[in-house]
């Protein structure tokens, strides 16, 4: 149930006291009892470094953003027993594939009495 999920956010989540953090939000007991580390990014398809990619393939910038987050965080999360889940949104409001899947899981966990408000 959503109401039993603990949420943590902040820096210094590692024993070595580094400022590295693979999570903007950490949801405890999410994936079969394992925490999920949500790393949130907003990407612009109009960024000069990604403009050609964005123009060639719909959603390419979000896919690249999610991939980059996995490269940066998966190893850290695995070492901590967490699941890494990038949350990627573009500046026009489009969601990345993994973000859409995660939000679908959130909605599925809502009590049936809440799902009618969407």
C-alpha atoms as a PDB file:
ATOM      1  CA  UNK A   1       0.000   0.000   0.000  1.00  0.00           C
ATOM      2  CA  UNK A   2       1.226   3.502  -0.735  1.00  0.00           C
ATOM      3  CA  UNK A   3       0.510   4.763   2.762  1.00  0.00           C
ATOM      4  CA  UNK A   4       3.097   2.344   4.211  1.00  0.00           C
ATOM      5  CA  UNK A   5       5.984   3.487   1.995  1.00  0.00           C
ATOM      6  CA  UNK A   6       8.790   5.385   3.686  1.00  0.00           C
ATOM      7  CA  UNK A   7      10.384   8.172   1.673  1.00  0.00           C
ATOM      8  CA  UNK A   8      13.904   9.519   2.131  1.00  0.00           C
ATOM      9  CA  UNK A   9      15.700  12.248   0.244  1.00  0.00           C
ATOM     10  CA  UNK A  10      19.077  13.847   0.620  1.00  0.00           C
ATOM     11  CA  UNK A  11      22.800  13.605   0.144  1.00  0.00           C
ATOM     12  CA  UNK A  12      25.343  11.532   2.001  1.00  0.00           C
ATOM     13  CA  UNK A  13      23.537   8.218   1.652  1.00  0.00           C
ATOM     14  CA  UNK A  14      26.825   6.339   1.421  1.00  0.00           C
ATOM     15  CA  UNK A  15      29.027   5.118   4.288  1.00  0.00           C
ATOM     16  CA  UNK A  16      32.036   6.961   2.826  1.00  0.00           C
ATOM     17  CA  UNK A  17      30.119  10.256   3.336  1.00  0.00           C
ATOM     18  CA  UNK A  18      30.516  11.192  -0.317  1.00  0.00           C
ATOM     19  CA  UNK A  19      28.092  13.653  -1.846  1.00  0.00           C
ATOM     20  CA  UNK A  20      27.215  11.097  -4.497  1.00  0.00           C
ATOM     21  CA  UNK A  21      23.585  10.070  -4.440  1.00  0.00           C
ATOM     22  CA  UNK A  22      21.774   7.855  -6.879  1.00  0.00           C
ATOM     23  CA  UNK A  23      18.411   8.980  -5.537  1.00  0.00           C
ATOM     24  CA  UNK A  24      16.554  12.248  -5.386  1.00  0.00           C
ATOM     25  CA  UNK A  25      13.820  10.235  -3.661  1.00  0.00           C
ATOM     26  CA  UNK A  26      14.245   6.827  -2.022  1.00  0.00           C
ATOM     27  CA  UNK A  27      11.088   4.736  -1.583  1.00  0.00           C
ATOM     28  CA  UNK A  28      11.567   1.979   0.975  1.00  0.00           C
ATOM     29  CA  UNK A  29       9.920  -1.442   0.484  1.00  0.00           C
ATOM     30  CA  UNK A  30       8.917  -0.797  -3.130  1.00  0.00           C
ATOM     31  CA  UNK A  31      10.101  -3.616  -5.388  1.00  0.00           C
ATOM     32  CA  UNK A  32       9.554  -6.947  -3.577  1.00  0.00           C
ATOM     33  CA  UNK A  33      10.665  -5.291  -0.347  1.00  0.00           C
ATOM     34  CA  UNK A  34      13.660  -3.558  -1.931  1.00  0.00           C
ATOM     35  CA  UNK A  35      13.976   0.217  -1.957  1.00  0.00           C
ATOM     36  CA  UNK A  36      13.758   2.052  -5.271  1.00  0.00           C
ATOM     37  CA  UNK A  37      16.007   5.035  -5.924  1.00  0.00           C
ATOM     38  CA  UNK A  38      14.250   7.641  -8.057  1.00  0.00           C
ATOM     39  CA  UNK A  39      16.657   9.961  -9.879  1.00  0.00           C
ATOM     40  CA  UNK A  40      14.657  12.793 -11.443  1.00  0.00           C
ATOM     41  CA  UNK A  41      15.748  14.618 -14.613  1.00  0.00           C
ATOM     42  CA  UNK A  42      14.146  17.206 -16.851  1.00  0.00           C
ATOM     43  CA  UNK A  43      15.587  17.169 -20.361  1.00  0.00           C
ATOM     44  CA  UNK A  44      15.049  19.647 -23.162  1.00  0.00           C
ATOM     45  CA  UNK A  45      14.720  18.339 -26.709  1.00  0.00           C
ATOM     46  CA  UNK A  46      15.866  21.809 -27.812  1.00  0.00           C
ATOM     47  CA  UNK A  47      19.252  21.510 -26.139  1.00  0.00           C
ATOM     48  CA  UNK A  48      21.853  22.042 -28.893  1.00  0.00           C
ATOM     49  CA  UNK A  49      23.675  18.854 -27.861  1.00  0.00           C
ATOM     50  CA  UNK A  50      20.545  16.718 -28.366  1.00  0.00           C
ATOM     51  CA  UNK A  51      18.597  18.638 -31.014  1.00  0.00           C
ATOM     52  CA  UNK A  52      19.521  16.362 -33.940  1.00  0.00           C
ATOM     53  CA  UNK A  53      18.692  13.260 -31.892  1.00  0.00           C
ATOM     54  CA  UNK A  54      15.351  14.742 -30.795  1.00  0.00           C
ATOM     55  CA  UNK A  55      14.446  15.664 -34.355  1.00  0.00           C
ATOM     56  CA  UNK A  56      15.279  12.221 -35.709  1.00  0.00           C
ATOM     57  CA  UNK A  57      13.475   9.998 -33.192  1.00  0.00           C
ATOM     58  CA  UNK A  58      10.493  10.735 -30.959  1.00  0.00           C
ATOM     59  CA  UNK A  59      11.469  10.181 -27.321  1.00  0.00           C
ATOM     60  CA  UNK A  60      15.169   9.743 -28.070  1.00  0.00           C
ATOM     61  CA  UNK A  61      16.260  12.437 -25.625  1.00  0.00           C
ATOM     62  CA  UNK A  62      14.310  10.815 -22.793  1.00  0.00           C
ATOM     63  CA  UNK A  63      15.681   7.388 -23.668  1.00  0.00           C
ATOM     64  CA  UNK A  64      19.222   8.810 -23.625  1.00  0.00           C
ATOM     65  CA  UNK A  65      18.557  10.528 -20.293  1.00  0.00           C
ATOM     66  CA  UNK A  66      17.260   7.309 -18.719  1.00  0.00           C
ATOM     67  CA  UNK A  67      20.240   5.386 -20.076  1.00  0.00           C
ATOM     68  CA  UNK A  68      22.705   7.958 -18.730  1.00  0.00           C
ATOM     69  CA  UNK A  69      21.083   7.758 -15.285  1.00  0.00           C
ATOM     70  CA  UNK A  70      21.389   3.964 -15.318  1.00  0.00           C
ATOM     71  CA  UNK A  71      25.081   4.220 -16.223  1.00  0.00           C
ATOM     72  CA  UNK A  72      25.664   6.623 -13.352  1.00  0.00           C
ATOM     73  CA  UNK A  73      23.570   4.877 -10.696  1.00  0.00           C
ATOM     74  CA  UNK A  74      22.971   1.176 -11.290  1.00  0.00           C
ATOM     75  CA  UNK A  75      26.227  -0.025  -9.747  1.00  0.00           C
ATOM     76  CA  UNK A  76      25.798   2.192  -6.671  1.00  0.00           C
ATOM     77  CA  UNK A  77      22.206   1.076  -6.195  1.00  0.00           C
ATOM     78  CA  UNK A  78      23.064  -2.595  -6.618  1.00  0.00           C
ATOM     79  CA  UNK A  79      25.741  -2.304  -3.919  1.00  0.00           C
ATOM     80  CA  UNK A  80      23.106  -0.895  -1.547  1.00  0.00           C
ATOM     81  CA  UNK A  81      20.428  -3.434  -2.482  1.00  0.00           C
ATOM     82  CA  UNK A  82      18.310  -0.789  -4.189  1.00  0.00           C
ATOM     83  CA  UNK A  83      16.564  -0.737  -7.540  1.00  0.00           C
ATOM     84  CA  UNK A  84      17.562   2.193  -9.766  1.00  0.00           C
ATOM     85  CA  UNK A  85      14.688   3.956 -11.518  1.00  0.00           C
ATOM     86  CA  UNK A  86      15.302   7.127 -13.500  1.00  0.00           C
ATOM     87  CA  UNK A  87      12.391   9.545 -13.747  1.00  0.00           C
ATOM     88  CA  UNK A  88      12.863  11.447 -17.014  1.00  0.00           C
ATOM     89  CA  UNK A  89      10.511  14.164 -18.222  1.00  0.00           C
ATOM     90  CA  UNK A  90      11.100  16.529 -21.115  1.00  0.00           C
ATOM     91  CA  UNK A  91      10.493  20.259 -20.907  1.00  0.00           C
ATOM     92  CA  UNK A  92       7.264  19.837 -22.895  1.00  0.00           C
ATOM     93  CA  UNK A  93       5.845  17.337 -20.392  1.00  0.00           C
ATOM     94  CA  UNK A  94       6.522  14.042 -22.183  1.00  0.00           C
ATOM     95  CA  UNK A  95       7.546  11.144 -19.920  1.00  0.00           C
ATOM     96  CA  UNK A  96      10.242   8.581 -20.571  1.00  0.00           C
ATOM     97  CA  UNK A  97       9.284   4.926 -21.010  1.00  0.00           C
ATOM     98  CA  UNK A  98      10.569   3.929 -17.559  1.00  0.00           C
ATOM     99  CA  UNK A  99       8.849   6.930 -15.985  1.00  0.00           C
ATOM    100  CA  UNK A 100       5.540   5.906 -17.555  1.00  0.00           C
ATOM    101  CA  UNK A 101       6.008   2.351 -16.274  1.00  0.00           C
ATOM    102  CA  UNK A 102       6.832   3.570 -12.756  1.00  0.00           C
ATOM    103  CA  UNK A 103       3.803   5.882 -12.643  1.00  0.00           C
ATOM    104  CA  UNK A 104       1.595   3.012 -13.812  1.00  0.00           C
ATOM    105  CA  UNK A 105       2.881   0.998 -10.824  1.00  0.00           C
ATOM    106  CA  UNK A 106       2.065   3.892  -8.485  1.00  0.00           C
ATOM    107  CA  UNK A 107      -1.471   4.111  -9.852  1.00  0.00           C
ATOM    108  CA  UNK A 108      -1.911   0.330  -9.585  1.00  0.00           C
ATOM    109  CA  UNK A 109      -0.999   0.531  -5.872  1.00  0.00           C
ATOM    110  CA  UNK A 110      -3.543   3.235  -5.099  1.00  0.00           C
ATOM    111  CA  UNK A 111      -6.680   2.139  -3.302  1.00  0.00           C
ATOM    112  CA  UNK A 112      -9.543   1.645  -5.750  1.00  0.00           C
ATOM    113  CA  UNK A 113     -11.400   4.530  -4.130  1.00  0.00           C
ATOM    114  CA  UNK A 114      -8.645   6.927  -5.285  1.00  0.00           C
ATOM    115  CA  UNK A 115      -8.261   5.827  -8.893  1.00  0.00           C
ATOM    116  CA  UNK A 116     -11.459   7.509 -10.062  1.00  0.00           C
ATOM    117  CA  UNK A 117     -10.015  10.979  -9.600  1.00  0.00           C
ATOM    118  CA  UNK A 118      -7.665  10.709 -12.564  1.00  0.00           C
END
